[in-house]
């Protein structure tokens, strides 16, 4: 392997028709601020892209190395709840309190499962910090976290404009409490994912890693926002290390900053005790605990295989994750709204985003969010990861980087690969 830290070494393969994806991956790994990354894609149940790369030498980064994919894991918690729908144990339109009576305290009796999954529960922030030890499965089952949630009131930043506010960490903590109460075996979402998804599909996708898995978990490296911002001023022809130029990034940040200044003046404590930055998610105790919305550890291979099953209607290689009816229910009733006061998006009743087509009336934000990934479902993770599926074209897609571009707010760096995959699939259809 090259000793030049500026040259990325790419491994893996693509099947005929997808060679351009490898070309793009190679170009971008060398062009952008990257350390390690994996890219895996399935088409019609077959793996067509399986790439990984690193800069510098030596590197122990492998295609099955585990990386925290942050909010990309939200789609796994959505799948977990859909599995309860499958068994007739849960209904999206029913109040959470009908399954968890204590949740009704502080006026929360009318919040439905769909409200939670669409980020409309009014619980985007908690007025307490969770201790990392309390996120271990045994502590979760002792209701250490649940009792705090039960007594927590709703809070909306500006309910008259939108109920939708990103429940970045809290959705997963609440969904986990709901899931373990409804699941006949009392499992947590992490235990369900291990037993019902990872083991049958022979993959490693973990919400709460084992000791052995933690040893193979590659730390994430956040790119400092100031470094990212300064990098945007360098012209692309002179080797800009990030996707956007200064004007593009500042226009995106302007919308976010404007929203923050218009928002509530309420001060919230850090969601996790002692949290001063995103590097806390490299911590062992936090990695072994369950924060389904933010600490899934996986490889692109593992996520892409789950996405392939979802793209095929819930079944892959003879294993059914969701029956057709539960799959349809998960994807049903996408509701378009503005999240957090600036991001227009559509979430289904089951809690996965639908990325729809844009038109001439669409805002530039909608274009940034959707253009290039039209027809995909799923979500994305802080700084870069993507875990999404495209039912129409039967595409399962996953991009997992270790370098987090914190200011790439809509994960457009990974969207470049989705766009190219869609082109490849359409070319293959035309040539068939």
Protein backbone atom coordinates (compact mmCIF):
# COMPACT_ATOMS: atom_id res chain seq x y z
CA UNK A 1 0.00 0.00 0.00
CA UNK A 2 1.19 3.52 -0.74
CA UNK A 3 2.78 5.50 2.07
CA UNK A 4 1.47 8.76 0.64
CA UNK A 5 -1.23 9.94 3.05
CA UNK A 6 -2.86 11.91 0.25
CA UNK A 7 -3.46 8.91 -2.01
CA UNK A 8 -6.45 6.65 -1.39
CA UNK A 9 -6.08 2.95 -2.02
CA UNK A 10 -9.33 1.42 -3.27
CA UNK A 11 -10.33 -2.22 -2.90
CA UNK A 12 -13.32 -4.27 -4.01
CA UNK A 13 -15.22 -4.80 -7.20
CA UNK A 14 -18.22 -3.83 -9.27
CA UNK A 15 -20.23 -5.95 -11.68
CA UNK A 16 -20.51 -5.01 -15.38
CA UNK A 17 -22.54 -1.87 -15.84
CA UNK A 18 -21.48 -0.31 -12.54
CA UNK A 19 -17.83 0.45 -13.32
CA UNK A 20 -18.52 4.19 -13.27
CA UNK A 21 -19.44 3.94 -9.59
CA UNK A 22 -15.94 2.66 -8.81
CA UNK A 23 -14.44 5.44 -10.92
CA UNK A 24 -16.41 8.05 -8.99
CA UNK A 25 -15.57 6.46 -5.63
CA UNK A 26 -11.86 6.50 -6.51
CA UNK A 27 -11.98 10.13 -7.63
CA UNK A 28 -13.87 11.31 -4.56
CA UNK A 29 -11.78 9.35 -2.07
CA UNK A 30 -8.73 11.14 -3.45
CA UNK A 31 -10.42 14.50 -3.95
CA UNK A 32 -12.22 14.96 -0.65
CA UNK A 33 -11.30 14.96 3.02
CA UNK A 34 -11.61 11.24 3.62
CA UNK A 35 -9.94 8.73 5.89
CA UNK A 36 -11.81 5.46 5.38
CA UNK A 37 -15.07 4.70 3.58
CA UNK A 38 -17.19 1.79 2.37
CA UNK A 39 -19.75 1.74 -0.43
CA UNK A 40 -22.01 -1.22 -1.12
CA UNK A 41 -24.97 -1.52 -3.48
CA UNK A 42 -27.41 -4.33 -4.32
CA UNK A 43 -29.55 -4.45 -7.45
CA UNK A 44 -32.35 -6.97 -7.78
CA UNK A 45 -30.99 -8.93 -4.85
CA UNK A 46 -27.44 -9.16 -6.20
CA UNK A 47 -24.44 -7.26 -4.87
CA UNK A 48 -23.21 -5.05 -7.72
CA UNK A 49 -20.90 -2.62 -5.89
CA UNK A 50 -18.61 -3.60 -3.04
CA UNK A 51 -15.91 -0.99 -2.48
CA UNK A 52 -13.82 0.25 0.39
CA UNK A 53 -10.84 2.53 0.62
CA UNK A 54 -8.39 4.29 2.90
CA UNK A 55 -5.85 7.04 2.70
CA UNK A 56 -2.31 6.47 3.91
CA UNK A 57 -0.60 3.35 5.20
CA UNK A 58 -0.81 1.03 6.91
CA UNK A 59 -4.56 0.53 7.18
CA UNK A 60 -6.52 -2.22 8.89
CA UNK A 61 -9.80 -0.93 7.50
CA UNK A 62 -11.76 -3.79 5.95
CA UNK A 63 -15.07 -4.20 4.12
CA UNK A 64 -16.57 -5.64 7.29
CA UNK A 65 -15.11 -3.07 9.68
CA UNK A 66 -17.81 -1.57 11.87
CA UNK A 67 -18.47 2.16 11.98
CA UNK A 68 -21.05 4.21 13.85
CA UNK A 69 -23.57 5.37 11.23
CA UNK A 70 -25.49 7.68 13.58
CA UNK A 71 -29.00 8.52 12.33
CA UNK A 72 -28.86 6.01 9.49
CA UNK A 73 -29.84 3.59 12.26
CA UNK A 74 -33.22 5.31 12.54
CA UNK A 75 -34.43 3.14 9.68
CA UNK A 76 -33.60 0.03 11.70
CA UNK A 77 -35.76 1.20 14.60
CA UNK A 78 -38.52 1.86 12.04
CA UNK A 79 -38.14 -1.70 10.71
CA UNK A 80 -38.22 -3.06 14.27
CA UNK A 81 -41.56 -1.39 15.02
CA UNK A 82 -42.91 -2.52 11.65
CA UNK A 83 -42.13 -6.09 12.70
CA UNK A 84 -44.60 -5.62 15.58
CA UNK A 85 -47.16 -4.35 13.09
CA UNK A 86 -46.52 -7.59 11.21
CA UNK A 87 -47.69 -9.61 14.21
CA UNK A 88 -50.74 -7.46 14.89
CA UNK A 89 -49.20 -6.21 18.12
CA UNK A 90 -48.92 -2.54 17.21
CA UNK A 91 -50.84 0.03 15.17
CA UNK A 92 -49.34 3.30 14.00
CA UNK A 93 -52.51 5.35 14.51
CA UNK A 94 -52.96 4.27 18.15
CA UNK A 95 -51.61 6.32 21.07
CA UNK A 96 -48.33 5.16 22.54
CA UNK A 97 -50.06 5.23 25.93
CA UNK A 98 -52.35 2.40 24.85
CA UNK A 99 -49.28 0.15 24.94
CA UNK A 100 -47.40 2.02 27.66
CA UNK A 101 -49.95 3.56 30.04
CA UNK A 102 -47.42 5.46 32.13
CA UNK A 103 -46.37 7.40 29.03
CA UNK A 104 -49.64 9.36 29.20
CA UNK A 105 -48.40 11.51 32.08
CA UNK A 106 -47.91 15.25 31.51
CA UNK A 107 -50.54 15.36 28.76
CA UNK A 108 -48.91 12.86 26.41
CA UNK A 109 -51.93 10.56 26.19
CA UNK A 110 -52.79 11.45 22.57
CA UNK A 111 -49.33 11.06 21.00
CA UNK A 112 -49.58 8.26 18.44
CA UNK A 113 -46.89 5.88 17.26
CA UNK A 114 -46.98 7.63 13.89
CA UNK A 115 -46.48 11.02 15.58
CA UNK A 116 -43.30 9.73 17.15
CA UNK A 117 -42.00 8.14 13.98
CA UNK A 118 -42.70 11.32 11.95
CA UNK A 119 -40.79 13.43 14.49
CA UNK A 120 -44.00 15.14 15.60
CA UNK A 121 -44.26 13.98 19.22
CA UNK A 122 -43.04 17.22 20.83
CA UNK A 123 -40.21 15.33 22.53
CA UNK A 124 -37.23 16.36 20.41
CA UNK A 125 -35.26 17.24 23.56
CA UNK A 126 -35.27 16.00 27.12
CA UNK A 127 -34.82 18.21 30.18
CA UNK A 128 -32.44 15.64 31.65
CA UNK A 129 -29.18 14.04 30.53
CA UNK A 130 -29.05 10.28 30.17
CA UNK A 131 -26.12 8.49 31.78
CA UNK A 132 -24.36 6.20 29.30
CA UNK A 133 -24.51 3.22 31.70
CA UNK A 134 -28.29 3.49 31.75
CA UNK A 135 -28.41 2.69 28.02
CA UNK A 136 -27.11 -0.85 28.53
CA UNK A 137 -29.90 -3.40 27.88
CA UNK A 138 -30.21 -4.52 31.50
CA UNK A 139 -30.65 -0.95 32.70
CA UNK A 140 -33.14 -0.20 29.91
CA UNK A 141 -35.21 -3.22 30.96
CA UNK A 142 -35.14 -1.94 34.55
CA UNK A 143 -36.99 1.13 33.21
CA UNK A 144 -34.24 3.53 34.27
CA UNK A 145 -34.68 5.57 31.09
CA UNK A 146 -38.37 4.86 30.68
CA UNK A 147 -39.41 6.37 34.00
CA UNK A 148 -37.84 9.70 33.02
CA UNK A 149 -39.62 9.69 29.65
CA UNK A 150 -42.95 8.88 31.32
CA UNK A 151 -42.85 12.08 33.37
CA UNK A 152 -41.57 14.35 30.61
CA UNK A 153 -43.87 17.01 29.10
CA UNK A 154 -44.14 17.90 25.43
CA UNK A 155 -42.43 20.95 24.03
CA UNK A 156 -42.82 22.43 20.55
CA UNK A 157 -40.54 25.13 19.18
CA UNK A 158 -43.33 26.70 17.13
CA UNK A 159 -46.37 24.45 16.97
CA UNK A 160 -48.37 26.93 14.91
CA UNK A 161 -45.90 26.56 12.03
CA UNK A 162 -44.95 22.89 12.29
CA UNK A 163 -45.08 20.03 14.77
CA UNK A 164 -42.14 18.38 13.06
CA UNK A 165 -38.86 18.81 14.89
CA UNK A 166 -35.99 16.40 14.51
CA UNK A 167 -35.99 13.89 17.38
CA UNK A 168 -32.30 13.24 16.78
CA UNK A 169 -31.67 10.92 19.73
CA UNK A 170 -34.95 10.86 21.58
CA UNK A 171 -37.00 9.03 18.95
CA UNK A 172 -34.86 5.94 19.38
CA UNK A 173 -34.95 6.00 23.17
CA UNK A 174 -38.75 6.32 23.18
CA UNK A 175 -39.19 3.71 20.42
CA UNK A 176 -37.01 1.28 22.37
CA UNK A 177 -39.21 1.63 25.46
CA UNK A 178 -42.30 1.09 23.33
CA UNK A 179 -40.80 -1.87 21.49
CA UNK A 180 -39.71 -3.81 24.59
CA UNK A 181 -43.14 -3.39 26.16
CA UNK A 182 -44.94 -4.74 23.09
CA UNK A 183 -42.47 -7.43 21.97
CA UNK A 184 -43.68 -10.81 23.34
CA UNK A 185 -40.13 -11.63 24.47
CA UNK A 186 -39.50 -8.25 26.04
CA UNK A 187 -36.51 -7.64 23.80
CA UNK A 188 -34.88 -4.32 23.17
CA UNK A 189 -34.55 -3.06 19.60
CA UNK A 190 -30.87 -3.97 19.67
CA UNK A 191 -31.68 -7.56 20.65
CA UNK A 192 -34.32 -7.75 17.93
CA UNK A 193 -31.92 -6.48 15.26
CA UNK A 194 -29.34 -9.06 16.30
CA UNK A 195 -31.74 -12.01 16.37
CA UNK A 196 -34.18 -11.16 13.56
CA UNK A 197 -31.95 -9.33 11.06
CA UNK A 198 -28.21 -9.75 11.59
CA UNK A 199 -28.09 -13.47 12.36
CA UNK A 200 -30.48 -14.67 9.61
CA UNK A 201 -28.83 -12.46 6.96
CA UNK A 202 -25.32 -13.37 8.20
CA UNK A 203 -24.29 -9.74 8.63
CA UNK A 204 -23.10 -7.50 11.42
CA UNK A 205 -25.44 -4.63 12.09
CA UNK A 206 -25.53 -3.84 15.80
CA UNK A 207 -27.38 -1.41 18.02
CA UNK A 208 -25.15 -1.93 21.01
CA UNK A 209 -21.95 -3.78 20.18
CA UNK A 210 -20.42 -6.75 21.94
CA UNK A 211 -16.95 -6.58 23.47
CA UNK A 212 -15.49 -8.35 20.42
CA UNK A 213 -17.33 -6.08 17.99
CA UNK A 214 -16.08 -3.00 19.78
CA UNK A 215 -12.49 -4.10 19.10
CA UNK A 216 -13.27 -4.00 15.36
CA UNK A 217 -15.19 -0.75 15.49
CA UNK A 218 -13.34 2.02 13.69
CA UNK A 219 -13.56 5.44 15.40
CA UNK A 220 -15.26 8.30 13.62
CA UNK A 221 -13.28 11.49 12.92
CA UNK A 222 -15.40 14.66 12.78
CA UNK A 223 -14.12 17.37 10.49
CA UNK A 224 -13.99 20.60 12.48
CA UNK A 225 -16.70 22.98 11.20
CA UNK A 226 -14.22 25.85 10.86
CA UNK A 227 -11.87 23.67 8.81
CA UNK A 228 -14.82 22.62 6.65
CA UNK A 229 -15.91 26.20 6.15
CA UNK A 230 -12.42 27.38 5.23
CA UNK A 231 -12.05 24.49 2.79
CA UNK A 232 -15.06 25.71 0.82
CA UNK A 233 -13.20 28.85 -0.26
CA UNK A 234 -10.67 26.82 -2.25
CA UNK A 235 -11.63 26.38 -5.93
CA UNK A 236 -12.48 22.88 -7.05
CA UNK A 237 -9.76 23.01 -9.70
CA UNK A 238 -7.19 23.71 -6.97
CA UNK A 239 -8.18 20.68 -4.93
CA UNK A 240 -11.12 21.63 -2.70
CA UNK A 241 -11.51 18.86 -0.11
CA UNK A 242 -15.27 19.19 0.41
CA UNK A 243 -18.24 18.98 -1.92
CA UNK A 244 -19.65 22.49 -1.68
CA UNK A 245 -18.08 25.82 -2.44
CA UNK A 246 -18.41 28.72 0.00
CA UNK A 247 -21.57 30.17 -1.54
CA UNK A 248 -23.33 26.80 -1.57
CA UNK A 249 -22.43 25.97 2.02
CA UNK A 250 -23.21 29.40 3.40
CA UNK A 251 -26.65 29.38 1.78
CA UNK A 252 -27.38 26.08 3.51
CA UNK A 253 -26.06 27.27 6.84
CA UNK A 254 -28.01 30.52 6.59
CA UNK A 255 -31.30 28.61 6.67
CA UNK A 256 -30.21 26.61 9.70
CA UNK A 257 -28.88 29.62 11.63
CA UNK A 258 -31.98 31.67 10.85
CA UNK A 259 -34.13 28.85 12.21
CA UNK A 260 -32.08 28.58 15.39
CA UNK A 261 -32.37 32.29 16.08
CA UNK A 262 -36.12 32.20 15.51
CA UNK A 263 -36.56 29.17 17.71
CA UNK A 264 -37.31 28.77 21.39
CA UNK A 265 -34.97 30.32 23.90
CA UNK A 266 -35.32 27.28 26.13
CA UNK A 267 -31.95 25.84 27.12
CA UNK A 268 -31.66 22.07 27.07
CA UNK A 269 -29.01 20.03 28.88
CA UNK A 270 -26.77 17.75 26.80
CA UNK A 271 -28.70 14.63 25.77
CA UNK A 272 -26.02 12.37 27.27
CA UNK A 273 -24.27 13.16 30.52
CA UNK A 274 -20.78 14.56 29.89
CA UNK A 275 -21.36 15.07 26.18
CA UNK A 276 -19.29 17.98 24.87
CA UNK A 277 -18.86 16.79 21.29
CA UNK A 278 -19.62 14.08 18.79
CA UNK A 279 -16.45 12.11 19.61
CA UNK A 280 -18.21 10.84 22.70
CA UNK A 281 -19.80 8.24 20.41
CA UNK A 282 -16.39 6.56 20.16
CA UNK A 283 -16.73 5.74 23.88
CA UNK A 284 -16.98 2.05 24.71
CA UNK A 285 -19.85 2.25 27.19
CA UNK A 286 -21.96 4.34 24.82
CA UNK A 287 -21.15 1.99 21.94
CA UNK A 288 -22.29 -1.03 23.95
CA UNK A 289 -25.51 0.67 25.00
CA UNK A 290 -28.60 1.27 22.90
CA UNK A 291 -29.29 4.63 21.33
CA UNK A 292 -31.10 3.26 18.26
CA UNK A 293 -31.32 6.68 16.60
CA UNK A 294 -27.60 7.41 16.83
CA UNK A 295 -25.28 4.50 17.62
CA UNK A 296 -25.84 1.70 15.12
CA UNK A 297 -22.49 0.11 14.33
CA UNK A 298 -22.38 -1.46 10.90
CA UNK A 299 -20.53 -1.89 7.65
CA UNK A 300 -21.85 -0.79 4.29
CA UNK A 301 -22.06 -4.48 3.36
CA UNK A 302 -24.39 -5.17 6.27
CA UNK A 303 -26.62 -2.16 5.75
CA UNK A 304 -26.82 -2.65 1.98
CA UNK A 305 -28.01 -6.22 2.46
CA UNK A 306 -30.80 -5.07 4.76
CA UNK A 307 -31.62 -2.34 2.23
CA UNK A 308 -31.73 -4.97 -0.51
CA UNK A 309 -34.34 -6.89 1.46
CA UNK A 310 -36.37 -3.73 1.91
CA UNK A 311 -36.05 -2.88 -1.79
CA UNK A 312 -37.44 -6.34 -2.59
CA UNK A 313 -40.51 -5.93 -0.39
CA UNK A 314 -39.07 -7.25 2.87
CA UNK A 315 -37.47 -10.57 1.88
CA UNK A 316 -33.98 -11.53 0.71
CA UNK A 317 -32.31 -14.92 0.23
CA UNK A 318 -35.30 -16.72 1.67
CA UNK A 319 -35.39 -14.68 4.89
CA UNK A 320 -38.35 -12.42 5.53
CA UNK A 321 -37.73 -9.30 7.60
CA UNK A 322 -41.21 -7.92 6.94
CA UNK A 323 -44.23 -9.49 5.28
CA UNK A 324 -45.71 -7.61 2.30
CA UNK A 325 -48.49 -6.12 4.43
CA UNK A 326 -46.11 -4.86 7.13
CA UNK A 327 -43.73 -3.56 4.45
CA UNK A 328 -46.59 -1.65 2.84
CA UNK A 329 -47.68 -0.27 6.20
CA UNK A 330 -44.16 0.95 6.99
CA UNK A 331 -44.01 2.86 3.70
CA UNK A 332 -47.58 4.17 3.76
CA UNK A 333 -48.90 7.69 4.17
CA UNK A 334 -45.83 9.88 3.66
CA UNK A 335 -46.64 13.30 5.10
CA UNK A 336 -44.79 16.31 3.76
CA UNK A 337 -43.84 18.98 6.30
CA UNK A 338 -41.02 21.33 7.22
CA UNK A 339 -38.78 19.85 9.88
CA UNK A 340 -37.13 22.15 12.36
CA UNK A 341 -38.33 25.20 10.50
CA UNK A 342 -36.09 24.81 7.48
CA UNK A 343 -35.97 21.29 5.96
CA UNK A 344 -38.93 20.21 3.80
CA UNK A 345 -39.29 16.42 3.90
CA UNK A 346 -41.81 13.59 3.80
CA UNK A 347 -41.95 10.89 6.49
CA UNK A 348 -44.15 7.80 6.29
CA UNK A 349 -46.27 6.65 9.20
CA UNK A 350 -43.59 4.06 9.93
CA UNK A 351 -40.81 6.63 10.21
CA UNK A 352 -38.77 6.39 7.02
CA UNK A 353 -38.28 9.36 4.73
CA UNK A 354 -39.43 9.32 1.14
CA UNK A 355 -37.28 11.26 -1.30
CA UNK A 356 -39.60 12.51 -4.00
CA UNK A 357 -39.19 14.13 -7.40
CA UNK A 358 -38.54 17.86 -7.69
CA UNK A 359 -40.20 20.30 -10.07
CA UNK A 360 -39.78 23.91 -11.08
CA UNK A 361 -41.69 25.03 -7.99
CA UNK A 362 -39.40 23.11 -5.63
CA UNK A 363 -37.06 25.18 -3.47
CA UNK A 364 -33.30 24.84 -3.77
CA UNK A 365 -33.38 23.09 -0.38
CA UNK A 366 -35.75 20.47 -1.74
CA UNK A 367 -33.45 20.00 -4.73
CA UNK A 368 -30.44 19.59 -2.43
CA UNK A 369 -32.31 17.07 -0.30
CA UNK A 370 -34.00 15.01 -3.04
CA UNK A 371 -32.36 15.52 -6.44
CA UNK A 372 -30.21 12.49 -7.22
CA UNK A 373 -31.98 10.19 -4.78
CA UNK A 374 -35.55 10.37 -6.10
CA UNK A 375 -37.54 7.26 -5.25
CA UNK A 376 -35.38 6.18 -2.31
CA UNK A 377 -36.69 5.50 1.20
CA UNK A 378 -34.70 5.47 4.42
CA UNK A 379 -32.58 8.10 6.11
CA UNK A 380 -29.02 9.33 6.65
CA UNK A 381 -26.46 9.75 9.39
CA UNK A 382 -24.63 12.76 10.79
CA UNK A 383 -21.61 13.65 8.72
CA UNK A 384 -22.12 11.35 5.78
CA UNK A 385 -23.55 7.83 6.10
CA UNK A 386 -26.52 6.68 4.00
CA UNK A 387 -28.79 3.64 4.41
CA UNK A 388 -31.58 3.72 1.84
CA UNK A 389 -33.52 1.57 -0.61
CA UNK A 390 -35.30 2.12 -3.91
CA UNK A 391 -38.25 -0.27 -4.39
CA UNK A 392 -39.00 0.69 -7.99
CA UNK A 393 -35.47 -0.06 -9.21
CA UNK A 394 -34.78 -2.70 -6.49
CA UNK A 395 -31.68 -0.93 -5.19
CA UNK A 396 -30.23 -1.42 -1.71
CA UNK A 397 -27.68 1.29 -0.95
CA UNK A 398 -25.21 2.03 1.86
CA UNK A 399 -22.34 4.48 2.20
CA UNK A 400 -20.31 4.42 5.42
CA UNK A 401 -17.45 6.91 5.95
CA UNK A 402 -15.36 7.43 9.08
CA UNK A 403 -14.63 11.09 8.26
CA UNK A 404 -17.67 13.13 9.20
CA UNK A 405 -18.33 16.25 7.14
CA UNK A 406 -20.41 17.93 9.82
CA UNK A 407 -21.59 20.79 7.62
CA UNK A 408 -22.82 18.57 4.78
CA UNK A 409 -26.29 18.89 6.25
CA UNK A 410 -28.11 16.75 3.68
CA UNK A 411 -25.39 14.19 3.04
CA UNK A 412 -24.92 15.31 -0.54
CA UNK A 413 -21.42 13.85 -0.61
CA UNK A 414 -22.91 10.35 -0.46
CA UNK A 415 -25.80 11.37 -2.71
CA UNK A 416 -23.28 11.61 -5.58
CA UNK A 417 -23.02 7.81 -5.46
CA UNK A 418 -26.79 7.32 -5.34
CA UNK A 419 -27.13 9.51 -8.40
CA UNK A 420 -24.52 7.49 -10.29
CA UNK A 421 -26.08 4.18 -9.26
CA UNK A 422 -29.44 5.37 -10.58
CA UNK A 423 -27.80 6.28 -13.90
CA UNK A 424 -26.23 2.82 -14.13
CA UNK A 425 -29.52 1.06 -13.40
CA UNK A 426 -31.37 3.14 -16.00
CA UNK A 427 -28.67 2.46 -18.61
CA UNK A 428 -28.96 -1.27 -17.93
CA UNK A 429 -32.73 -1.13 -18.39
CA UNK A 430 -32.35 0.65 -21.71
CA UNK A 431 -29.81 -1.87 -22.95
CA UNK A 432 -31.83 -4.90 -21.83
